[in-house]
Amino acid sequence: MEYKIYKLTFPNGVHFGKNSLESTQYVFQADTFFSSLCIEAIHRGEESLERLLAYVKQDKLAFSDALPYIGKEYYIPKPMLHIENNNQGDSVIKKAFKKMAFVPFSCFEEYLRGELSKEKAEGLGKLGYSQTKVSAFVRGEDETMPYRVGIYYYREDCGLYLIVRYGEETVREFFEELLDGLAFSGIGGKRNTGLGRFDFFRYEVPVKMRERLEKTEGCLMTLSVSLPTEEELEAVLHEASYLLEKRSGFVASESYAKEQMRKKDLFVFQSGSCFNKSFQGGVYDVSAGGRHAVYRYAKPLFMEVT
């Protein structure tokens, strides 16, 4: 299998909402990305959608959550492992160590040894900033309803990246065709205002990162939201360390139903969850009475974190 990194830059800002229109996140998950790829594939025809599904289900294409980068520094999820910081007497460092959500990969071995400094633990403060924009919704002829939208702006030379694993060059080329279309239409909320549009650039995976991605034994951390199949679940949960997250939302398809409908909820492992046994996961149908299937991506991309 081959690996590539795709850096995404967002010149207009993004809205990755979670709990309300006013709030926004600065990252998005692999299932959100896959849903957007599916919509882009549908625009190209039913054959493109079937091809995308086949590549993913046959494990010829997999990808991580969208993770932050600052300059040449890639950040990965903090593993859900108990790691004692060596500076336990310093409460400031201890709090920073506990609060951090992402670890700079260049310092990952330091982190595993409990030697990460306070400055490196707080590095994501340079990623960007969020703002709230007031917009207006016009209802009828004379009633105007103001609302607030949270927008995240990445600083220069900052953004998100994806780690993509693929089996053949034809798979990579097809993926990049879909990504090129998605870059223009955008990802996330409020795309009609230009939010979520991006440019992307392909890079080689750093050697040390690739070594950890290629290992299949030891403690394995998933870099994407994921869920084992029923047959895999019992064995996977043995000596695992994980958090579950409910993934839900509305179906973004005009042909699905006459009115907007919600997807079925699906509980998945968060990225950063750690396991002693790998699993394949799956692509799950979360439709609920509409005219066609709706797919939720829940396949892992593992990194060894022993």
Foldseek 3Di string as FASTA:
>chain_A
DFKKKKFKAWQPFAAADDPDQQDGDQWFFPQLVVLLLLVLQVVVPPVSNVVVQVCLFVVQKDKFTWFKDAAPWTKFFAALDDAAAPVVVDVLQVVLLVPAGIATPVCQVCVNNNNDGSCRSPVCVQFWDKDKDKDWDDDPDDDIDIDIGITTHGDPNMGIMMMMHGDDPVVVVSVVVSVVVCLVQAGHPPSVVVHRRIDMDMDHDDPVQVVQLPDFAAKKFFRGWADADPVCPVVFPVVKRFDKDKDKAWDPDVQFDVDIDIFAIDITTHGSIITRHAGAGHWDFRDDPTDDTRTGDHGTRIGHND
